Amino acid sequence: MGFDRYQRHDGSKANILRQIWVREPCDVVAKLNLDLIKRWKLKQLRQDNAPSKYQEHVLTESGSTALCIAGDDDQSIYSPCLSG
């Protein structure tokens, strides 16, 4: 692809993610967060693990917020965007 994922950001995966959250535009960060949430949910399904009530709440709230920021109309797996 001609893209070195470590060229723009240095450090561990956690540090790279923090740098992305700080440096990249909000809509890019929101889409990244949505992808991370979907990946986590798929991993849980594959392992036949149901999320706890707390995990489901956090996923729903963070997913809703990310969808609002990203401007994504596909809200079928999350609650509607919060107003205000």
N, C-alpha and C. Protein backbone atom coordinates (compact mmCIF):
# COMPACT_ATOMS: atom_id res chain seq x y z
N MET A 1 0.81 -1.19 0.00
CA MET A 1 0.00 0.00 0.00
C MET A 1 0.86 1.26 0.00
N GLY A 2 2.13 1.16 0.30
CA GLY A 2 2.98 2.32 0.33
C GLY A 2 2.75 3.21 1.54
N PHE A 3 2.28 2.63 2.64
CA PHE A 3 1.95 3.39 3.84
C PHE A 3 2.62 2.73 5.03
N ASP A 4 3.45 3.48 5.73
CA ASP A 4 4.09 2.98 6.94
C ASP A 4 3.31 3.50 8.13
N ARG A 5 2.59 2.62 8.79
CA ARG A 5 1.71 3.05 9.88
C ARG A 5 2.46 3.67 11.05
N TYR A 6 3.75 3.40 11.16
CA TYR A 6 4.54 3.95 12.26
C TYR A 6 5.29 5.22 11.88
N GLN A 7 5.17 5.65 10.64
CA GLN A 7 5.90 6.83 10.19
C GLN A 7 5.37 8.11 10.85
N ARG A 8 4.06 8.22 11.02
CA ARG A 8 3.46 9.45 11.57
C ARG A 8 3.40 9.45 13.09
N HIS A 9 3.39 8.28 13.70
CA HIS A 9 3.21 8.17 15.15
C HIS A 9 4.25 7.21 15.72
N ASP A 10 4.76 7.52 16.90
CA ASP A 10 5.79 6.70 17.54
C ASP A 10 5.26 6.08 18.83
N GLY A 11 5.86 4.94 19.21
CA GLY A 11 5.58 4.34 20.50
C GLY A 11 4.78 3.07 20.41
N SER A 12 4.26 2.68 21.57
CA SER A 12 3.46 1.47 21.67
C SER A 12 2.12 1.67 20.96
N LYS A 13 1.36 0.60 20.80
CA LYS A 13 0.05 0.71 20.17
C LYS A 13 -0.85 1.68 20.95
N ALA A 14 -0.79 1.61 22.28
CA ALA A 14 -1.60 2.51 23.10
C ALA A 14 -1.19 3.96 22.89
N ASN A 15 0.12 4.22 22.85
CA ASN A 15 0.59 5.58 22.64
C ASN A 15 0.24 6.08 21.24
N ILE A 16 0.33 5.20 20.26
CA ILE A 16 -0.04 5.58 18.89
C ILE A 16 -1.53 5.94 18.84
N LEU A 17 -2.37 5.15 19.50
CA LEU A 17 -3.80 5.43 19.52
C LEU A 17 -4.07 6.77 20.21
N ARG A 18 -3.39 7.04 21.31
CA ARG A 18 -3.57 8.33 21.99
C ARG A 18 -3.16 9.49 21.08
N GLN A 19 -2.06 9.32 20.34
CA GLN A 19 -1.60 10.36 19.43
C GLN A 19 -2.63 10.59 18.32
N ILE A 20 -3.22 9.52 17.82
CA ILE A 20 -4.25 9.64 16.79
C ILE A 20 -5.44 10.41 17.35
N TRP A 21 -5.88 10.07 18.56
CA TRP A 21 -7.02 10.74 19.17
C TRP A 21 -6.78 12.24 19.33
N VAL A 22 -5.53 12.63 19.59
CA VAL A 22 -5.20 14.04 19.81
C VAL A 22 -4.97 14.78 18.49
N ARG A 23 -4.31 14.14 17.53
CA ARG A 23 -3.84 14.84 16.33
C ARG A 23 -4.78 14.79 15.14
N GLU A 24 -5.57 13.76 15.01
CA GLU A 24 -6.39 13.59 13.81
C GLU A 24 -7.72 14.31 13.96
N PRO A 25 -8.39 14.60 12.84
CA PRO A 25 -9.70 15.27 12.88
C PRO A 25 -10.74 14.41 13.60
N CYS A 26 -11.70 15.07 14.21
CA CYS A 26 -12.72 14.38 15.01
C CYS A 26 -13.47 13.30 14.22
N ASP A 27 -13.81 13.58 12.96
CA ASP A 27 -14.57 12.59 12.20
C ASP A 27 -13.73 11.34 11.93
N VAL A 28 -12.43 11.49 11.74
CA VAL A 28 -11.54 10.34 11.54
C VAL A 28 -11.45 9.52 12.82
N VAL A 29 -11.30 10.21 13.95
CA VAL A 29 -11.22 9.53 15.24
C VAL A 29 -12.53 8.81 15.53
N ALA A 30 -13.65 9.44 15.23
CA ALA A 30 -14.96 8.81 15.46
C ALA A 30 -15.11 7.54 14.64
N LYS A 31 -14.72 7.58 13.38
CA LYS A 31 -14.81 6.38 12.54
C LYS A 31 -13.88 5.29 13.04
N LEU A 32 -12.69 5.67 13.49
CA LEU A 32 -11.76 4.70 14.07
C LEU A 32 -12.37 4.05 15.30
N ASN A 33 -12.96 4.86 16.17
CA ASN A 33 -13.59 4.33 17.38
C ASN A 33 -14.74 3.38 17.04
N LEU A 34 -15.54 3.73 16.03
CA LEU A 34 -16.61 2.83 15.60
C LEU A 34 -16.06 1.50 15.10
N ASP A 35 -14.97 1.56 14.34
CA ASP A 35 -14.34 0.32 13.87
C ASP A 35 -13.82 -0.52 15.03
N LEU A 36 -13.24 0.13 16.02
CA LEU A 36 -12.75 -0.59 17.19
C LEU A 36 -13.90 -1.25 17.97
N ILE A 37 -15.00 -0.53 18.10
CA ILE A 37 -16.17 -1.09 18.79
C ILE A 37 -16.71 -2.30 18.03
N LYS A 38 -16.84 -2.16 16.71
CA LYS A 38 -17.34 -3.28 15.90
C LYS A 38 -16.41 -4.48 15.98
N ARG A 39 -15.10 -4.21 15.95
CA ARG A 39 -14.13 -5.31 16.05
C ARG A 39 -14.26 -6.02 17.39
N TRP A 40 -14.42 -5.26 18.49
CA TRP A 40 -14.58 -5.87 19.80
C TRP A 40 -15.85 -6.71 19.86
N LYS A 41 -16.95 -6.16 19.31
CA LYS A 41 -18.21 -6.90 19.32
C LYS A 41 -18.10 -8.21 18.53
N LEU A 42 -17.45 -8.15 17.37
CA LEU A 42 -17.27 -9.36 16.57
C LEU A 42 -16.42 -10.39 17.30
N LYS A 43 -15.40 -9.95 17.99
CA LYS A 43 -14.55 -10.86 18.77
C LYS A 43 -15.38 -11.53 19.87
N GLN A 44 -16.23 -10.76 20.53
CA GLN A 44 -17.07 -11.33 21.58
C GLN A 44 -18.05 -12.35 21.01
N LEU A 45 -18.62 -12.05 19.84
CA LEU A 45 -19.53 -13.00 19.20
C LEU A 45 -18.81 -14.29 18.81
N ARG A 46 -17.61 -14.13 18.25
CA ARG A 46 -16.84 -15.29 17.83
C ARG A 46 -16.51 -16.18 19.02
N GLN A 47 -16.26 -15.58 20.18
CA GLN A 47 -15.92 -16.34 21.38
C GLN A 47 -17.17 -16.72 22.17
N ASP A 48 -18.34 -16.39 21.63
CA ASP A 48 -19.62 -16.69 22.26
C ASP A 48 -19.72 -16.06 23.66
N ASN A 49 -19.23 -14.83 23.78
CA ASN A 49 -19.30 -14.07 25.03
C ASN A 49 -20.33 -12.97 24.89
N ALA A 50 -21.24 -12.91 25.83
CA ALA A 50 -22.22 -11.82 25.85
C ALA A 50 -21.67 -10.67 26.67
N PRO A 51 -21.80 -9.43 26.19
CA PRO A 51 -21.31 -8.29 26.98
C PRO A 51 -22.15 -8.11 28.24
N SER A 52 -21.50 -7.64 29.30
CA SER A 52 -22.23 -7.35 30.53
C SER A 52 -23.12 -6.13 30.30
N LYS A 53 -23.99 -5.86 31.24
CA LYS A 53 -24.86 -4.68 31.13
C LYS A 53 -24.01 -3.41 31.07
N TYR A 54 -22.96 -3.36 31.87
CA TYR A 54 -22.07 -2.20 31.87
C TYR A 54 -21.39 -2.05 30.50
N GLN A 55 -20.83 -3.14 29.96
CA GLN A 55 -20.17 -3.09 28.66
C GLN A 55 -21.14 -2.65 27.57
N GLU A 56 -22.35 -3.18 27.60
CA GLU A 56 -23.35 -2.82 26.60
C GLU A 56 -23.70 -1.34 26.70
N HIS A 57 -23.82 -0.83 27.91
CA HIS A 57 -24.11 0.60 28.11
C HIS A 57 -22.98 1.46 27.54
N VAL A 58 -21.74 1.12 27.88
CA VAL A 58 -20.59 1.89 27.40
C VAL A 58 -20.51 1.82 25.88
N LEU A 59 -20.72 0.65 25.30
CA LEU A 59 -20.68 0.50 23.85
C LEU A 59 -21.77 1.32 23.17
N THR A 60 -22.96 1.31 23.72
CA THR A 60 -24.07 2.05 23.15
C THR A 60 -23.81 3.56 23.21
N GLU A 61 -23.39 4.03 24.38
CA GLU A 61 -23.14 5.47 24.54
C GLU A 61 -21.99 5.95 23.68
N SER A 62 -20.88 5.22 23.70
CA SER A 62 -19.72 5.65 22.91
C SER A 62 -20.00 5.51 21.42
N GLY A 63 -20.75 4.48 21.04
CA GLY A 63 -21.12 4.31 19.64
C GLY A 63 -22.02 5.43 19.16
N SER A 64 -22.97 5.82 19.99
CA SER A 64 -23.88 6.92 19.62
C SER A 64 -23.12 8.22 19.44
N THR A 65 -22.22 8.49 20.36
CA THR A 65 -21.43 9.72 20.28
C THR A 65 -20.55 9.72 19.03
N ALA A 66 -19.89 8.60 18.78
CA ALA A 66 -19.02 8.50 17.60
C ALA A 66 -19.83 8.65 16.31
N LEU A 67 -21.02 8.08 16.27
CA LEU A 67 -21.86 8.21 15.07
C LEU A 67 -22.25 9.66 14.83
N CYS A 68 -22.57 10.38 15.90
CA CYS A 68 -22.92 11.79 15.75
C CYS A 68 -21.75 12.59 15.20
N ILE A 69 -20.57 12.33 15.73
CA ILE A 69 -19.37 13.05 15.29
C ILE A 69 -19.02 12.69 13.86
N ALA A 70 -19.12 11.40 13.54
CA ALA A 70 -18.74 10.93 12.21
C ALA A 70 -19.78 11.31 11.16
N GLY A 71 -21.00 11.62 11.60
CA GLY A 71 -22.06 11.95 10.65
C GLY A 71 -22.58 10.72 9.93
N ASP A 72 -22.48 9.57 10.58
CA ASP A 72 -22.88 8.29 9.99
C ASP A 72 -24.38 8.10 10.19
N ASP A 73 -25.08 7.77 9.12
CA ASP A 73 -26.53 7.57 9.21
C ASP A 73 -26.91 6.16 9.63
N ASP A 74 -25.97 5.21 9.59
CA ASP A 74 -26.26 3.82 9.96
C ASP A 74 -26.18 3.67 11.47
N GLN A 75 -27.32 3.85 12.13
CA GLN A 75 -27.36 3.77 13.58
C GLN A 75 -28.10 2.53 14.04
N SER A 76 -28.17 1.52 13.20
CA SER A 76 -28.97 0.35 13.51
C SER A 76 -28.47 -0.42 14.74
N ILE A 77 -27.17 -0.35 15.06
CA ILE A 77 -26.67 -1.11 16.21
C ILE A 77 -26.46 -0.21 17.43
N TYR A 78 -26.80 1.06 17.34
CA TYR A 78 -26.62 2.00 18.43
C TYR A 78 -27.89 2.78 18.64
N SER A 79 -28.01 3.40 19.81
CA SER A 79 -29.16 4.26 20.05
C SER A 79 -29.02 5.54 19.23
N PRO A 80 -30.11 6.26 19.00
CA PRO A 80 -30.04 7.49 18.20
C PRO A 80 -29.08 8.50 18.80
N CYS A 81 -28.57 9.39 17.96
CA CYS A 81 -27.65 10.44 18.42
C CYS A 81 -28.30 11.29 19.49
N LEU A 82 -27.48 11.68 20.44
CA LEU A 82 -27.96 12.54 21.51
C LEU A 82 -28.06 13.96 20.99
N SER A 83 -29.09 14.66 21.37
CA SER A 83 -29.21 16.06 20.92
C SER A 83 -28.42 16.95 21.85
N GLY A 84 -27.96 18.09 21.29
CA GLY A 84 -27.25 19.05 22.11
C GLY A 84 -25.84 18.77 22.13
